[in-house]
Amino acid sequence: MKEDIGRKLVDAVKNPATGEAQESFAKAMELTKAYASSGSATHFSTVTKLFYDLFEMFETGEDPRTK
């Protein structure tokens, strides 16, 4: 499952006009930008992890923290 999400993310970045995961990518990016600009992020790795988790959540419809 993780590999599938990773491939969808790469496809969304490589093919922005035709990727099927564009909506998930856009939603995850907006929320991540808001978090990063809020000053709550204490380390850059939290921002990337948040983006990936949000993207996964929007693609699968499941909470990635339940693993």
C-alpha atoms as a PDB file:
ATOM      1  CA  MET A   1       0.000   0.000   0.000  1.00  0.00           C
ATOM      2  CA  LYS A   2       2.801   2.452   0.880  1.00  0.00           C
ATOM      3  CA  GLU A   3       4.412   1.820  -2.496  1.00  0.00           C
ATOM      4  CA  ASP A   4       1.136   2.567  -4.276  1.00  0.00           C
ATOM      5  CA  ILE A   5       0.759   5.893  -2.460  1.00  0.00           C
ATOM      6  CA  GLY A   6       4.351   6.774  -3.297  1.00  0.00           C
ATOM      7  CA  ARG A   7       3.768   6.060  -6.978  1.00  0.00           C
ATOM      8  CA  LYS A   8       0.627   8.194  -6.989  1.00  0.00           C
ATOM      9  CA  LEU A   9       2.540  11.041  -5.378  1.00  0.00           C
ATOM     10  CA  VAL A  10       5.362  10.816  -7.914  1.00  0.00           C
ATOM     11  CA  ASP A  11       2.819  10.699 -10.740  1.00  0.00           C
ATOM     12  CA  ALA A  12       1.047  13.784  -9.371  1.00  0.00           C
ATOM     13  CA  VAL A  13       4.340  15.702  -9.333  1.00  0.00           C
ATOM     14  CA  LYS A  14       5.544  14.498 -12.748  1.00  0.00           C
ATOM     15  CA  ASN A  15       2.215  14.895 -14.556  1.00  0.00           C
ATOM     16  CA  PRO A  16       0.373  17.805 -12.976  1.00  0.00           C
ATOM     17  CA  ALA A  17      -2.153  18.140 -15.792  1.00  0.00           C
ATOM     18  CA  THR A  18      -3.094  14.485 -16.158  1.00  0.00           C
ATOM     19  CA  GLY A  19      -2.387  12.878 -12.791  1.00  0.00           C
ATOM     20  CA  GLU A  20      -5.404  11.287 -11.142  1.00  0.00           C
ATOM     21  CA  ALA A  21      -4.201  12.315  -7.684  1.00  0.00           C
ATOM     22  CA  GLN A  22      -4.106  16.055  -8.361  1.00  0.00           C
ATOM     23  CA  GLU A  23      -6.984  16.876  -6.033  1.00  0.00           C
ATOM     24  CA  SER A  24      -5.353  15.001  -3.153  1.00  0.00           C
ATOM     25  CA  PHE A  25      -2.035  16.664  -3.935  1.00  0.00           C
ATOM     26  CA  ALA A  26      -3.583  20.146  -3.947  1.00  0.00           C
ATOM     27  CA  LYS A  27      -5.474  19.598  -0.677  1.00  0.00           C
ATOM     28  CA  ALA A  28      -2.403  18.184   1.060  1.00  0.00           C
ATOM     29  CA  MET A  29      -0.250  21.055  -0.213  1.00  0.00           C
ATOM     30  CA  GLU A  30      -2.685  23.723   1.027  1.00  0.00           C
ATOM     31  CA  LEU A  31      -2.935  22.245   4.508  1.00  0.00           C
ATOM     32  CA  THR A  32       0.818  21.688   4.712  1.00  0.00           C
ATOM     33  CA  LYS A  33       1.541  25.284   3.651  1.00  0.00           C
ATOM     34  CA  ALA A  34      -0.839  26.569   6.318  1.00  0.00           C
ATOM     35  CA  TYR A  35       0.868  24.429   8.973  1.00  0.00           C
ATOM     36  CA  ALA A  36       4.376  25.431   7.895  1.00  0.00           C
ATOM     37  CA  SER A  37       3.555  29.133   7.854  1.00  0.00           C
ATOM     38  CA  SER A  38       1.855  29.001  11.255  1.00  0.00           C
ATOM     39  CA  GLY A  39       5.155  28.651  13.073  1.00  0.00           C
ATOM     40  CA  SER A  40       4.066  25.432  14.771  1.00  0.00           C
ATOM     41  CA  ALA A  41       6.571  23.344  12.834  1.00  0.00           C
ATOM     42  CA  THR A  42       9.709  22.862  14.881  1.00  0.00           C
ATOM     43  CA  HIS A  43      11.652  20.778  12.368  1.00  0.00           C
ATOM     44  CA  PHE A  44      11.537  20.500   8.591  1.00  0.00           C
ATOM     45  CA  SER A  45      10.945  16.742   8.714  1.00  0.00           C
ATOM     46  CA  THR A  46       7.581  17.274  10.406  1.00  0.00           C
ATOM     47  CA  VAL A  47       6.404  19.271   7.397  1.00  0.00           C
ATOM     48  CA  THR A  48       7.326  16.563   4.884  1.00  0.00           C
ATOM     49  CA  LYS A  49       5.805  13.822   7.047  1.00  0.00           C
ATOM     50  CA  LEU A  50       2.613  15.829   7.424  1.00  0.00           C
ATOM     51  CA  PHE A  51       2.365  16.338   3.667  1.00  0.00           C
ATOM     52  CA  TYR A  52       2.830  12.632   2.954  1.00  0.00           C
ATOM     53  CA  ASP A  53       0.305  11.623   5.626  1.00  0.00           C
ATOM     54  CA  LEU A  54      -2.261  14.118   4.344  1.00  0.00           C
ATOM     55  CA  PHE A  55      -1.768  12.957   0.760  1.00  0.00           C
ATOM     56  CA  GLU A  56      -2.195   9.352   1.852  1.00  0.00           C
ATOM     57  CA  MET A  57      -5.318  10.226   3.825  1.00  0.00           C
ATOM     58  CA  PHE A  58      -6.935  12.014   0.875  1.00  0.00           C
ATOM     59  CA  GLU A  59      -6.065   9.164  -1.500  1.00  0.00           C
ATOM     60  CA  THR A  60      -7.181   6.251   0.670  1.00  0.00           C
ATOM     61  CA  GLY A  61      -9.827   7.869   2.858  1.00  0.00           C
ATOM     62  CA  GLU A  62      -8.235   6.282   5.914  1.00  0.00           C
ATOM     63  CA  ASP A  63      -6.324   7.799   8.803  1.00  0.00           C
ATOM     64  CA  PRO A  64      -2.608   6.983   8.291  1.00  0.00           C
ATOM     65  CA  ARG A  65      -1.997   7.142  12.059  1.00  0.00           C
ATOM     66  CA  THR A  66      -3.981   3.945  12.643  1.00  0.00           C
ATOM     67  CA  LYS A  67      -1.211   1.718  11.255  1.00  0.00           C
END
